[in-house]
Protein backbone atom coordinates (compact mmCIF):
# COMPACT_ATOMS: atom_id res chain seq x y z
CA UNK A 1 0.00 0.00 0.00
CA UNK A 2 1.41 3.41 -0.96
CA UNK A 3 1.84 6.01 1.78
CA UNK A 4 -0.36 8.46 -0.10
CA UNK A 5 -3.27 6.03 0.32
CA UNK A 6 -2.99 5.89 4.10
CA UNK A 7 -4.79 8.11 6.56
CA UNK A 8 -3.18 8.57 9.96
CA UNK A 9 -5.43 9.08 13.00
CA UNK A 10 -2.98 10.24 15.66
CA UNK A 11 -5.39 9.58 18.54
CA UNK A 12 -6.50 6.09 17.54
CA UNK A 13 -5.11 3.61 20.08
CA UNK A 14 -6.14 0.60 18.00
CA UNK A 15 -2.64 0.81 16.53
CA UNK A 16 -1.57 -1.71 19.19
CA UNK A 17 -3.83 -4.33 17.63
CA UNK A 18 -2.50 -3.30 14.23
CA UNK A 19 1.05 -3.87 15.52
CA UNK A 20 0.20 -7.40 16.63
CA UNK A 21 -1.50 -8.19 13.31
CA UNK A 22 1.53 -7.05 11.34
CA UNK A 23 4.12 -8.79 13.49
CA UNK A 24 6.12 -11.51 11.73
CA UNK A 25 9.45 -13.26 12.14
CA UNK A 26 12.47 -12.10 10.16
CA UNK A 27 12.30 -15.43 8.32
CA UNK A 28 8.70 -14.70 7.31
CA UNK A 29 9.75 -11.35 5.87
CA UNK A 30 12.72 -12.80 4.02
CA UNK A 31 10.40 -15.43 2.52
CA UNK A 32 8.46 -12.61 0.82
CA UNK A 33 11.44 -11.61 -1.33
CA UNK A 34 11.26 -12.84 -4.93
CA UNK A 35 13.86 -13.05 -7.69
CA UNK A 36 14.13 -9.71 -9.47
CA UNK A 37 12.98 -7.69 -6.46
CA UNK A 38 14.46 -4.31 -5.60
CA UNK A 39 14.90 -3.67 -1.87
CA UNK A 40 15.51 -0.16 -0.53
CA UNK A 41 17.25 0.35 2.83
CA UNK A 42 18.71 3.42 4.59
CA UNK A 43 22.14 2.05 5.55
CA UNK A 44 24.28 2.27 8.69
CA UNK A 45 22.63 1.10 11.90
CA UNK A 46 19.28 1.21 10.10
CA UNK A 47 20.15 -1.82 7.98
CA UNK A 48 17.79 -4.56 9.28
CA UNK A 49 20.19 -7.14 10.72
CA UNK A 50 17.84 -10.06 11.42
CA UNK A 51 16.16 -9.60 8.04
CA UNK A 52 19.58 -9.73 6.34
CA UNK A 53 20.56 -12.88 8.22
CA UNK A 54 17.30 -14.53 7.15
CA UNK A 55 17.78 -13.30 3.59
CA UNK A 56 21.27 -14.82 3.52
CA UNK A 57 19.75 -18.22 4.32
CA UNK A 58 17.72 -17.93 1.09
CA UNK A 59 20.40 -16.47 -1.16
CA UNK A 60 20.77 -19.56 -3.37
CA UNK A 61 17.02 -19.55 -4.08
CA UNK A 62 17.08 -15.98 -5.40
CA UNK A 63 18.39 -14.38 -8.57
CA UNK A 64 18.85 -10.79 -9.68
CA UNK A 65 17.78 -9.22 -6.38
CA UNK A 66 19.06 -5.66 -5.91
CA UNK A 67 19.51 -4.02 -2.51
CA UNK A 68 19.90 -0.23 -2.62
CA UNK A 69 21.41 0.96 0.63
CA UNK A 70 23.66 3.50 2.26
CA UNK A 71 26.79 2.81 4.26
CA UNK A 72 27.19 -0.90 5.16
CA UNK A 73 28.78 -1.54 8.54
CA UNK A 74 29.12 -5.32 8.40
CA UNK A 75 29.48 -8.14 5.89
CA UNK A 76 26.53 -10.51 5.44
CA UNK A 77 26.84 -13.94 3.83
CA UNK A 78 24.83 -12.94 0.74
CA UNK A 79 27.49 -10.32 0.00
CA UNK A 80 30.14 -12.98 -0.68
CA UNK A 81 31.50 -12.99 -4.27
CA UNK A 82 29.98 -16.38 -5.13
CA UNK A 83 26.50 -14.86 -4.74
CA UNK A 84 26.95 -11.79 -6.95
CA UNK A 85 24.36 -13.06 -9.46
CA UNK A 86 21.88 -13.75 -6.68
CA UNK A 87 21.95 -10.48 -4.70
CA UNK A 88 23.69 -7.30 -5.82
CA UNK A 89 24.23 -4.10 -3.84
CA UNK A 90 23.82 -0.59 -5.26
CA UNK A 91 25.13 2.23 -3.11
CA UNK A 92 25.94 5.96 -3.24
CA UNK A 93 28.19 5.51 -0.17
CA UNK A 94 31.60 3.84 -0.12
CA UNK A 95 33.28 2.75 3.09
CA UNK A 96 35.53 -0.19 3.98
CA UNK A 97 32.80 -2.79 3.36
CA UNK A 98 31.75 -1.27 0.02
CA UNK A 99 35.35 -1.03 -1.20
CA UNK A 100 35.69 -4.77 -0.69
CA UNK A 101 32.33 -5.55 -2.30
CA UNK A 102 33.11 -3.42 -5.36
CA UNK A 103 36.39 -5.32 -5.81
CA UNK A 104 34.44 -8.60 -5.61
CA UNK A 105 31.82 -7.43 -8.09
CA UNK A 106 29.00 -7.85 -5.57
CA UNK A 107 28.35 -4.10 -5.28
CA UNK A 108 28.18 -1.16 -7.66
CA UNK A 109 28.73 2.49 -6.87
CA UNK A 110 26.06 4.95 -8.02
CA UNK A 111 27.58 8.46 -8.35
CA UNK A 112 25.34 11.22 -7.02
CA UNK A 113 25.29 14.20 -4.71
CA UNK A 114 23.68 13.45 -1.38
CA UNK A 115 20.67 15.65 -2.07
CA UNK A 116 19.92 13.46 -5.11
CA UNK A 117 19.26 10.34 -3.03
CA UNK A 118 15.50 10.74 -3.09
CA UNK A 119 15.05 10.96 -6.88
CA UNK A 120 17.37 7.96 -7.36
CA UNK A 121 15.45 5.90 -4.80
CA UNK A 122 12.08 6.87 -6.27
CA UNK A 123 13.23 5.95 -9.76
CA UNK A 124 14.18 2.47 -8.54
CA UNK A 125 10.49 1.83 -7.67
CA UNK A 126 11.38 -0.62 -4.88
CA UNK A 127 9.32 -3.72 -4.30
CA UNK A 128 10.29 -3.64 -0.63
CA UNK A 129 11.44 -0.85 1.70
CA UNK A 130 13.13 -2.26 4.81
CA UNK A 131 14.64 -0.44 7.78
CA UNK A 132 15.39 -0.56 11.48
CA UNK A 133 13.24 1.69 13.65
CA UNK A 134 12.79 2.42 17.34
CA UNK A 135 9.92 0.93 19.35
CA UNK A 136 6.72 2.97 18.87
CA UNK A 137 5.59 5.82 21.07
CA UNK A 138 2.17 5.97 22.73
CA UNK A 139 0.50 7.04 19.47
CA UNK A 140 1.97 4.35 17.24
CA UNK A 141 4.80 6.39 15.74
CA UNK A 142 8.21 4.82 15.19
CA UNK A 143 11.43 6.82 14.72
CA UNK A 144 13.64 6.10 11.71
CA UNK A 145 16.72 7.07 13.72
CA UNK A 146 20.31 7.65 12.61
CA UNK A 147 20.17 6.92 8.86
CA UNK A 148 16.42 7.17 8.30
CA UNK A 149 16.62 10.65 6.80
CA UNK A 150 18.53 9.21 3.85
CA UNK A 151 15.33 7.56 2.59
CA UNK A 152 12.76 10.32 2.00
CA UNK A 153 9.05 9.73 2.41
CA UNK A 154 8.50 10.02 -1.34
CA UNK A 155 10.85 7.07 -1.87
CA UNK A 156 9.12 5.01 0.82
CA UNK A 157 5.83 5.77 -0.93
CA UNK A 158 7.15 4.04 -4.05
CA UNK A 159 7.59 0.79 -2.15
CA UNK A 160 5.04 -1.96 -2.73
CA UNK A 161 5.72 -3.32 0.75
CA UNK A 162 7.17 -1.48 3.77
CA UNK A 163 8.73 -3.57 6.51
CA UNK A 164 10.44 -2.44 9.70
CA UNK A 165 12.69 -4.20 12.18
CA UNK A 166 12.00 -2.81 15.65
CA UNK A 167 15.15 -2.62 17.76
CA UNK A 168 15.08 -1.10 21.28
CA UNK A 169 18.82 -0.35 21.05
CA UNK A 170 18.11 2.31 18.42
CA UNK A 171 18.17 6.00 19.47
CA UNK A 172 15.16 8.27 18.94
CA UNK A 173 16.26 11.37 17.02
CA UNK A 174 14.25 14.59 17.18
CA UNK A 175 12.57 15.67 13.96
CA UNK A 176 9.13 15.03 12.47
CA UNK A 177 10.75 13.94 9.20
CA UNK A 178 11.96 10.78 10.90
CA UNK A 179 8.56 9.63 12.16
CA UNK A 180 6.70 6.77 10.53
CA UNK A 181 3.28 5.62 11.75
CA UNK A 182 2.10 2.03 12.15
CA UNK A 183 -0.48 2.67 9.42
CA UNK A 184 2.34 3.37 6.96
CA UNK A 185 3.92 -0.04 7.59
CA UNK A 186 2.92 -3.41 6.16
CA UNK A 187 4.95 -5.83 8.28
CA UNK A 188 7.03 -5.75 11.46
CA UNK A 189 9.69 -7.98 12.94
CA UNK A 190 11.48 -7.50 16.25
CA UNK A 191 15.19 -7.67 17.00
CA UNK A 192 17.55 -6.97 19.87
CA UNK A 193 20.71 -7.11 17.73
CA UNK A 194 23.57 -4.95 18.94
CA UNK A 195 24.16 -1.91 16.75
CA UNK A 196 27.53 -1.53 15.04
CA UNK A 197 29.52 1.28 16.64
CA UNK A 198 31.97 3.41 14.67
CA UNK A 199 34.83 4.48 16.95
CA UNK A 200 36.59 7.81 16.73
CA UNK A 201 39.33 7.98 14.12
CA UNK A 202 42.63 8.94 15.82
CA UNK A 203 43.82 12.47 15.12
CA UNK A 204 47.17 12.80 13.35
CA UNK A 205 49.68 15.59 13.92
CA UNK A 206 49.11 16.86 10.38
CA UNK A 207 45.37 17.06 11.06
CA UNK A 208 46.06 19.06 14.21
CA UNK A 209 48.10 21.55 12.17
CA UNK A 210 45.38 21.86 9.53
CA UNK A 211 42.69 22.18 12.21
CA UNK A 212 44.57 25.03 13.88
CA UNK A 213 44.55 27.01 10.62
CA UNK A 214 40.86 26.31 10.06
CA UNK A 215 39.86 27.27 13.60
CA UNK A 216 41.37 30.72 13.02
CA UNK A 217 39.04 31.12 10.02
CA UNK A 218 35.86 30.54 12.05
CA UNK A 219 34.62 33.67 13.86
CA UNK A 220 32.40 33.48 16.93
CA UNK A 221 28.75 33.15 15.92
CA UNK A 222 29.47 31.19 12.72
CA UNK A 223 27.41 28.21 11.63
CA UNK A 224 29.62 25.27 10.68
CA UNK A 225 29.49 22.09 8.62
CA UNK A 226 32.10 19.37 9.06
CA UNK A 227 32.74 16.22 7.07
CA UNK A 228 33.57 12.85 8.62
CA UNK A 229 36.90 11.69 10.01
CA UNK A 230 39.80 12.53 12.26
CA UNK A 231 40.08 16.06 10.91
CA UNK A 232 36.55 16.87 12.09
CA UNK A 233 37.50 15.71 15.59
CA UNK A 234 40.67 17.79 15.46
CA UNK A 235 38.74 20.88 14.38
CA UNK A 236 36.30 20.30 17.22
CA UNK A 237 39.18 20.35 19.70
CA UNK A 238 40.48 23.66 18.34
CA UNK A 239 37.01 25.25 18.48
CA UNK A 240 36.57 24.81 22.22
CA UNK A 241 37.48 28.46 22.87
CA UNK A 242 34.87 29.78 20.39
CA UNK A 243 31.49 31.24 21.33
CA UNK A 244 27.93 30.87 20.09
CA UNK A 245 28.59 28.58 17.14
CA UNK A 246 25.74 27.03 15.19
CA UNK A 247 25.64 23.82 13.17
CA UNK A 248 24.03 22.91 9.86
CA UNK A 249 25.72 19.74 8.68
CA UNK A 250 24.85 16.48 6.98
CA UNK A 251 26.27 14.18 9.67
CA UNK A 252 26.43 14.46 13.46
CA UNK A 253 29.52 12.89 15.00
CA UNK A 254 31.31 12.94 18.35
CA UNK A 255 33.01 16.30 17.79
CA UNK A 256 29.61 18.02 17.69
CA UNK A 257 28.53 16.30 20.89
CA UNK A 258 31.64 17.62 22.64
CA UNK A 259 31.04 21.16 21.36
CA UNK A 260 27.39 21.15 22.45
CA UNK A 261 28.32 19.80 25.88
CA UNK A 262 30.95 22.54 26.25
CA UNK A 263 28.41 25.25 25.38
CA UNK A 264 30.45 26.29 22.34
CA UNK A 265 27.66 25.21 20.00
CA UNK A 266 24.39 26.73 21.19
CA UNK A 267 22.95 28.16 17.97
CA UNK A 268 22.10 31.42 19.71
CA UNK A 269 23.20 33.53 16.73
CA UNK A 270 21.73 31.30 14.03
CA UNK A 271 19.17 33.04 11.85
CA UNK A 272 17.90 29.72 10.44
CA UNK A 273 16.55 27.22 12.99
CA UNK A 274 18.18 29.06 15.90
CA UNK A 275 19.23 26.94 18.84
CA UNK A 276 19.19 23.71 16.82
CA UNK A 277 21.94 21.48 15.47
CA UNK A 278 20.52 20.74 12.02
CA UNK A 279 21.56 17.47 10.32
CA UNK A 280 20.38 14.44 8.35
CA UNK A 281 22.19 11.46 9.84
CA UNK A 282 24.34 10.43 12.79
CA UNK A 283 27.50 8.30 12.90
CA UNK A 284 29.23 7.20 16.08
CA UNK A 285 29.08 4.99 19.13
CA UNK A 286 26.81 4.29 22.08
CA UNK A 287 27.95 7.42 23.93
CA UNK A 288 26.83 9.59 21.02
CA UNK A 289 23.56 7.69 20.54
CA UNK A 290 22.70 8.11 24.20
CA UNK A 291 23.41 11.83 23.94
CA UNK A 292 21.28 12.52 20.86
CA UNK A 293 18.44 10.24 22.04
CA UNK A 294 15.36 12.49 22.55
CA UNK A 295 17.72 15.51 22.71
CA UNK A 296 15.80 18.66 21.65
CA UNK A 297 19.04 20.51 20.85
CA UNK A 298 19.23 18.44 17.64
CA UNK A 299 16.88 18.58 14.66
CA UNK A 300 17.16 15.87 12.02
CA UNK A 301 15.54 16.42 8.63
CA UNK A 302 15.40 14.47 5.39
CA UNK A 303 18.40 14.83 3.12
CA UNK A 304 16.56 16.54 0.25
CA UNK A 305 15.86 19.48 2.57
CA UNK A 306 18.99 19.46 4.68
CA UNK A 307 21.42 19.27 1.73
CA UNK A 308 19.61 21.64 -0.60
CA UNK A 309 22.15 24.43 -1.35
CA UNK A 310 19.32 26.99 -1.31
CA UNK A 311 18.35 25.83 2.20
CA UNK A 312 21.96 25.72 3.39
CA UNK A 313 22.48 29.24 2.07
CA UNK A 314 19.73 30.57 4.34
CA UNK A 315 22.25 30.36 7.18
CA UNK A 316 24.28 33.54 7.54
CA UNK A 317 28.02 33.13 8.10
CA UNK A 318 28.07 29.46 7.14
CA UNK A 319 31.53 27.86 7.09
CA UNK A 320 31.65 24.60 5.15
CA UNK A 321 34.67 22.35 5.82
CA UNK A 322 35.35 19.23 3.75
CA UNK A 323 38.26 16.92 3.01
CA UNK A 324 40.08 16.14 -0.22
CA UNK A 325 42.38 13.31 -1.26
CA UNK A 326 44.14 15.32 -3.96
CA UNK A 327 43.97 18.62 -5.83
CA UNK A 328 45.56 19.86 -9.01
CA UNK A 329 47.33 23.17 -9.41
CA UNK A 330 44.28 24.89 -10.89
CA UNK A 331 42.01 23.93 -7.98
CA UNK A 332 40.14 20.81 -9.07
CA UNK A 333 39.23 18.69 -6.04
CA UNK A 334 39.36 14.90 -5.90
CA UNK A 335 37.69 13.65 -2.72
CA UNK A 336 36.36 10.21 -3.58
CA UNK A 337 38.76 8.11 -5.64
CA UNK A 338 42.38 7.01 -5.65
CA UNK A 339 42.95 7.02 -9.38
CA UNK A 340 40.33 4.61 -10.79
CA UNK A 341 39.51 3.02 -7.41
CA UNK A 342 36.42 4.38 -5.69
CA UNK A 343 37.51 5.11 -2.12
CA UNK A 344 34.54 7.05 -0.75
CA UNK A 345 31.42 8.67 -2.13
CA UNK A 346 30.63 12.05 -3.64
CA UNK A 347 28.51 12.79 -0.59
CA UNK A 348 27.32 16.30 0.18
CA UNK A 349 30.57 18.16 -0.37
CA UNK A 350 29.39 20.17 -3.37
CA UNK A 351 25.95 20.70 -1.78
CA UNK A 352 27.55 22.53 1.12
CA UNK A 353 30.18 24.36 -0.94
CA UNK A 354 27.40 25.78 -3.11
CA UNK A 355 25.31 26.51 -0.03
CA UNK A 356 28.19 28.40 1.58
CA UNK A 357 28.52 30.49 -1.58
CA UNK A 358 24.86 31.51 -1.17
CA UNK A 359 25.28 32.28 2.53
CA UNK A 360 25.62 35.91 3.59
CA UNK A 361 29.17 36.04 4.98
CA UNK A 362 29.70 32.36 4.14
CA UNK A 363 32.81 30.56 2.96
CA UNK A 364 33.92 27.05 2.10
CA UNK A 365 37.16 25.34 3.02
CA UNK A 366 38.82 22.30 1.46
CA UNK A 367 41.25 20.59 3.84
CA UNK A 368 44.06 18.55 2.34
CA UNK A 369 47.05 16.67 3.73
CA UNK A 370 49.92 17.84 1.55
CA UNK A 371 51.29 14.30 1.12
CA UNK A 372 50.36 10.64 1.14
CA UNK A 373 52.33 7.39 1.05
CA UNK A 374 52.04 4.83 -1.73
CA UNK A 375 52.01 1.06 -1.25
CA UNK A 376 55.81 1.00 -1.12
CA UNK A 377 55.97 3.67 1.56
CA UNK A 378 57.15 6.42 -0.78
CA UNK A 379 56.00 9.95 0.01
CA UNK A 380 53.83 11.49 -2.72
CA UNK A 381 52.42 14.97 -3.15
CA UNK A 382 48.66 15.38 -2.82
CA UNK A 383 48.95 18.53 -4.91
CA UNK A 384 49.59 17.57 -8.53
CA UNK A 385 49.89 19.44 -11.83
CA UNK A 386 47.13 17.30 -13.39
CA UNK A 387 44.70 14.82 -11.91
CA UNK A 388 46.15 11.29 -12.24
CA UNK A 389 44.36 9.07 -14.82
CA UNK A 390 41.11 7.70 -13.45
CA UNK A 391 40.81 10.29 -10.66
CA UNK A 392 37.25 11.54 -10.15
CA UNK A 393 36.76 15.30 -9.76
CA UNK A 394 34.30 15.79 -6.89
CA UNK A 395 34.28 19.59 -6.84
CA UNK A 396 35.14 21.65 -9.93
CA UNK A 397 37.70 24.42 -9.59
CA UNK A 398 35.01 27.02 -10.29
CA UNK A 399 33.39 26.25 -6.91
CA UNK A 400 36.52 26.25 -4.74
CA UNK A 401 37.03 28.98 -2.15
CA UNK A 402 39.71 28.36 0.51
CA UNK A 403 42.24 25.51 0.56
CA UNK A 404 44.16 24.54 3.71
CA UNK A 405 47.10 22.18 4.17
CA UNK A 406 49.48 21.89 7.11
CA UNK A 407 51.58 24.53 5.33
CA UNK A 408 49.01 27.30 5.18
CA UNK A 409 45.84 28.78 3.72
CA UNK A 410 45.11 30.10 0.23
CA UNK A 411 42.01 31.56 -1.39
CA UNK A 412 41.43 30.51 -5.01
CA UNK A 413 38.08 32.21 -5.60
CA UNK A 414 38.09 34.37 -8.74
CA UNK A 415 41.87 34.03 -9.11
CA UNK A 416 43.64 33.74 -12.45
CA UNK A 417 45.00 30.31 -13.34
CA UNK A 418 48.53 31.61 -12.85
CA UNK A 419 47.60 32.93 -9.40
CA UNK A 420 45.98 29.63 -8.49
CA UNK A 421 49.10 27.71 -9.50
CA UNK A 422 51.35 29.92 -7.37
CA UNK A 423 48.97 29.67 -4.42
CA UNK A 424 48.70 25.88 -4.55
CA UNK A 425 52.47 25.46 -4.79
CA UNK A 426 52.89 27.70 -1.74
CA UNK A 427 50.95 25.23 0.45
CA UNK A 428 52.45 22.07 -1.05
CA UNK A 429 55.00 20.03 0.90
CA UNK A 430 58.41 21.78 0.58
CA UNK A 431 60.00 18.63 -0.85
CA UNK A 432 57.74 18.85 -3.92
CA UNK A 433 57.59 22.59 -4.59
CA UNK A 434 60.55 22.68 -6.99
CA UNK A 435 59.11 19.79 -8.98
CA UNK A 436 55.68 21.46 -9.12
CA UNK A 437 57.26 24.74 -10.20
CA UNK A 438 59.15 22.94 -12.96
CA UNK A 439 55.95 21.29 -14.19
CA UNK A 440 54.07 24.58 -14.00
CA UNK A 441 56.78 26.27 -16.09
CA UNK A 442 56.60 23.47 -18.63
CA UNK A 443 52.84 23.40 -19.06
CA UNK A 444 51.57 26.89 -18.17
CA UNK A 445 54.35 29.42 -17.90
CA UNK A 446 56.40 28.44 -20.93
């Protein structure tokens, strides 16, 4: 039944009978899947564990089943390479599990900006939508929790069958967008599976140096967006002496929890959703889940709204901070691939860079380690004259504002190509500057 066909009576307590009627085992739900089906799931801790285990037991019976999901946090048996013709994964996210699955041929990456998730999911016309939710409240509403905002209501409405796996370990996140009523659900199973925690990534010395530069670029009263990883945690540490910061970001992680606890982030100067940490999803561990659970300081909205550049730009003084893997001398940004190998996803980087450009007093920052080490341990420059063959450009040079490495800060916006080249060389690792200058002379200055 499509969501548009359902009428929700918020005061009707007969939902408890409805719950019992719809309750099934995970095995019952897995038995409903047919060859050729398309299954849509949010990803992360909202991937239905017991349903996946039951589905794995049937994998040899099925052919050409597609599961569209976000970030996978564990490997299920049906993801093994011998089953790639039985069940295949499509994903706009790439983490450690997805990198392995792509190598095996059991998963495919679907390039898209994060705010395009909804149209992609709707176009898939899923036979089944499956997700983990919290237990219901007194009115029969469940909460779609940490990754639920990555599957918009319009996409759920395209599903022929909506199933949920109720897990009491799942945090309840504030935001009406994440609510789903019993009347919008076809079948329910229950699980007490432990959720997969993502620990903090250790902060490197280089990240500390980069974070120190970035912190100096964030005035009191700014609204910030941070990407994932150790750098975000490092930036959080260096922001502890700031005042009245706001947050509009795509992902809440531990660094934001620490800043809210310290009173640094209070949203008091935000002109858009003042007093609220605005986000779409949440990645972390039990400490973070316990903190955001029913916490009114946070407001989670669906990704189509949260990552819309026009919406982001409604925040004054927005500072967008994102990571890159490599950049060329003219300012092109590669944030998702190592040559031809997909390493991460496109994500919302360009959404927030464009949003910052629309923000009154806003700016965007690309953070980049100046070097990396190859498989033989050789030091390589992350700043290159041209993108290596196969490298995906995540953000075009026309959108780039500030770039920060451990060697300094440059602003590329509206600069000539020759000025960009000089600026990028100035923040490259000293061991590679002569080589970059030589290449610049050969290709641009000759």
